[in-house]
C-alpha atoms as a PDB file:
ATOM      1  CA  MET A   1      84.791  97.700 121.832  1.00  0.00           C
ATOM      2  CA  LYS A   2      83.689  97.761 118.212  1.00  0.00           C
ATOM      3  CA  THR A   3      84.438  94.580 116.260  1.00  0.00           C
ATOM      4  CA  ILE A   4      84.569  94.200 112.527  1.00  0.00           C
ATOM      5  CA  ILE A   5      84.686  90.739 111.018  1.00  0.00           C
ATOM      6  CA  LEU A   6      86.358  90.364 107.666  1.00  0.00           C
ATOM      7  CA  GLU A   7      85.193  87.133 105.994  1.00  0.00           C
ATOM      8  CA  CYS A   8      88.357  86.537 103.985  1.00  0.00           C
ATOM      9  CA  SER A   9      87.015  83.474 102.173  1.00  0.00           C
ATOM     10  CA  LYS A  10      84.837  85.748 100.021  1.00  0.00           C
ATOM     11  CA  TYR A  11      87.797  87.788  98.730  1.00  0.00           C
ATOM     12  CA  LYS A  12      89.315  86.912  95.384  1.00  0.00           C
ATOM     13  CA  ASN A  13      92.049  89.568  95.507  1.00  0.00           C
ATOM     14  CA  MET A  14      93.407  92.433  97.579  1.00  0.00           C
ATOM     15  CA  ASP A  15      90.955  94.918  96.008  1.00  0.00           C
ATOM     16  CA  ASP A  16      88.094  92.870  97.458  1.00  0.00           C
ATOM     17  CA  PHE A  17      89.731  93.078 100.886  1.00  0.00           C
ATOM     18  CA  TYR A  18      90.385  96.812 100.627  1.00  0.00           C
ATOM     19  CA  ASN A  19      86.834  97.510  99.466  1.00  0.00           C
ATOM     20  CA  ASP A  20      85.348  95.550 102.386  1.00  0.00           C
ATOM     21  CA  ILE A  21      87.537  97.009 105.114  1.00  0.00           C
ATOM     22  CA  ALA A  22      87.026 100.519 103.709  1.00  0.00           C
ATOM     23  CA  LEU A  23      83.276 100.016 103.794  1.00  0.00           C
ATOM     24  CA  GLN A  24      83.174  98.478 107.267  1.00  0.00           C
ATOM     25  CA  MET A  25      85.586 101.039 108.738  1.00  0.00           C
ATOM     26  CA  ASN A  26      84.090 103.972 106.882  1.00  0.00           C
ATOM     27  CA  PHE A  27      87.465 104.986 105.502  1.00  0.00           C
ATOM     28  CA  PRO A  28      87.625 108.289 103.637  1.00  0.00           C
ATOM     29  CA  GLU A  29      86.893 108.276  99.913  1.00  0.00           C
ATOM     30  CA  TYR A  30      90.550 109.018  99.156  1.00  0.00           C
ATOM     31  CA  PHE A  31      91.687 105.720 100.782  1.00  0.00           C
ATOM     32  CA  GLY A  32      94.440 104.490  98.466  1.00  0.00           C
ATOM     33  CA  LYS A  33      93.775 100.717  98.675  1.00  0.00           C
ATOM     34  CA  ASN A  34      97.345  99.695  99.449  1.00  0.00           C
ATOM     35  CA  TYR A  35      99.293  98.620 102.518  1.00  0.00           C
ATOM     36  CA  ASP A  36     100.566 102.129 103.353  1.00  0.00           C
ATOM     37  CA  ALA A  37      97.108 103.692 103.032  1.00  0.00           C
ATOM     38  CA  LEU A  38      95.664 100.951 105.250  1.00  0.00           C
ATOM     39  CA  LYS A  39      98.280 101.550 107.921  1.00  0.00           C
ATOM     40  CA  ASP A  40      97.712 105.317 107.719  1.00  0.00           C
ATOM     41  CA  CYS A  41      93.937 104.954 108.141  1.00  0.00           C
ATOM     42  CA  LEU A  42      94.355 102.534 111.042  1.00  0.00           C
ATOM     43  CA  SER A  43      96.735 104.920 112.767  1.00  0.00           C
ATOM     44  CA  GLU A  44      93.851 107.394 112.985  1.00  0.00           C
ATOM     45  CA  VAL A  45      91.437 105.011 114.760  1.00  0.00           C
ATOM     46  CA  SER A  46      90.445 106.650 118.045  1.00  0.00           C
ATOM     47  CA  GLU A  47      87.953 104.137 119.442  1.00  0.00           C
ATOM     48  CA  ASP A  48      88.645 100.636 120.747  1.00  0.00           C
ATOM     49  CA  LEU A  49      88.474  98.316 117.763  1.00  0.00           C
ATOM     50  CA  CYS A  50      88.974  94.615 117.141  1.00  0.00           C
ATOM     51  CA  ILE A  51      89.617  93.542 113.564  1.00  0.00           C
ATOM     52  CA  ALA A  52      88.802  89.850 113.200  1.00  0.00           C
ATOM     53  CA  LEU A  53      89.933  88.052 110.061  1.00  0.00           C
ATOM     54  CA  ALA A  54      88.147  84.810 109.318  1.00  0.00           C
ATOM     55  CA  ASP A  55      89.544  82.129 106.988  1.00  0.00           C
ATOM     56  CA  CYS A  56      92.785  83.814 105.920  1.00  0.00           C
ATOM     57  CA  ASP A  57      94.032  80.535 104.442  1.00  0.00           C
ATOM     58  CA  ALA A  58      91.340  80.580 101.762  1.00  0.00           C
ATOM     59  CA  PHE A  59      92.185  84.200 100.976  1.00  0.00           C
ATOM     60  CA  ALA A  60      95.888  83.354 100.702  1.00  0.00           C
ATOM     61  CA  GLU A  61      95.036  80.697  98.120  1.00  0.00           C
ATOM     62  CA  GLN A  62      93.150  83.297  96.061  1.00  0.00           C
ATOM     63  CA  ALA A  63      95.266  86.436  96.503  1.00  0.00           C
ATOM     64  CA  GLY A  64      98.649  84.862  97.188  1.00  0.00           C
ATOM     65  CA  VAL A  65     100.441  83.776 100.332  1.00  0.00           C
ATOM     66  CA  VAL A  66     102.967  86.624 100.229  1.00  0.00           C
ATOM     67  CA  LYS A  67     100.312  89.328  99.859  1.00  0.00           C
ATOM     68  CA  VAL A  68      98.269  87.982 102.756  1.00  0.00           C
ATOM     69  CA  SER A  69     101.389  87.574 104.905  1.00  0.00           C
ATOM     70  CA  VAL A  70     102.296  91.211 104.291  1.00  0.00           C
ATOM     71  CA  LEU A  71      98.707  92.205 105.069  1.00  0.00           C
ATOM     72  CA  LYS A  72      98.882  90.376 108.411  1.00  0.00           C
ATOM     73  CA  ARG A  73     102.187  92.152 109.189  1.00  0.00           C
ATOM     74  CA  VAL A  74     100.638  95.554 108.378  1.00  0.00           C
ATOM     75  CA  LEU A  75      97.693  94.833 110.662  1.00  0.00           C
ATOM     76  CA  PHE A  76      99.961  93.687 113.507  1.00  0.00           C
ATOM     77  CA  ASP A  77     102.220  96.715 113.063  1.00  0.00           C
ATOM     78  CA  ALA A  78      99.183  99.008 113.143  1.00  0.00           C
ATOM     79  CA  SER A  79      97.978  97.338 116.356  1.00  0.00           C
ATOM     80  CA  ARG A  80     101.386  97.807 117.967  1.00  0.00           C
ATOM     81  CA  GLU A  81     101.499 101.467 117.010  1.00  0.00           C
ATOM     82  CA  ASN A  82      97.873 102.246 117.896  1.00  0.00           C
ATOM     83  CA  PRO A  83      96.814 100.761 121.272  1.00  0.00           C
ATOM     84  CA  LYS A  84      93.148 101.181 120.315  1.00  0.00           C
ATOM     85  CA  ILE A  85      93.418  98.373 117.746  1.00  0.00           C
ATOM     86  CA  ARG A  86      93.426  94.633 118.318  1.00  0.00           C
ATOM     87  CA  VAL A  87      93.728  92.004 115.589  1.00  0.00           C
ATOM     88  CA  ALA A  88      92.297  88.504 115.865  1.00  0.00           C
ATOM     89  CA  PHE A  89      92.130  85.501 113.578  1.00  0.00           C
ATOM     90  CA  ALA A  90      89.053  83.308 113.583  1.00  0.00           C
END
């Protein structure tokens, strides 16, 4: 299983998050950097993958609690819809 670790404490905003996950996941250049585009790209994952988010609380302080809560929901929804994806919080 491939694991990507997203060090959320280094993100100042959602763009920082989207840039990092796009880089680590090798998303296509046309990735839209929004919740829907993230869910779409994750729906296409065909290998076993664990997405580990570290220090989400620090990210929520920077980007906003609501935005990070929605992000968590998008990741959980993607993992429910695509059995190849697991989400973990470290």
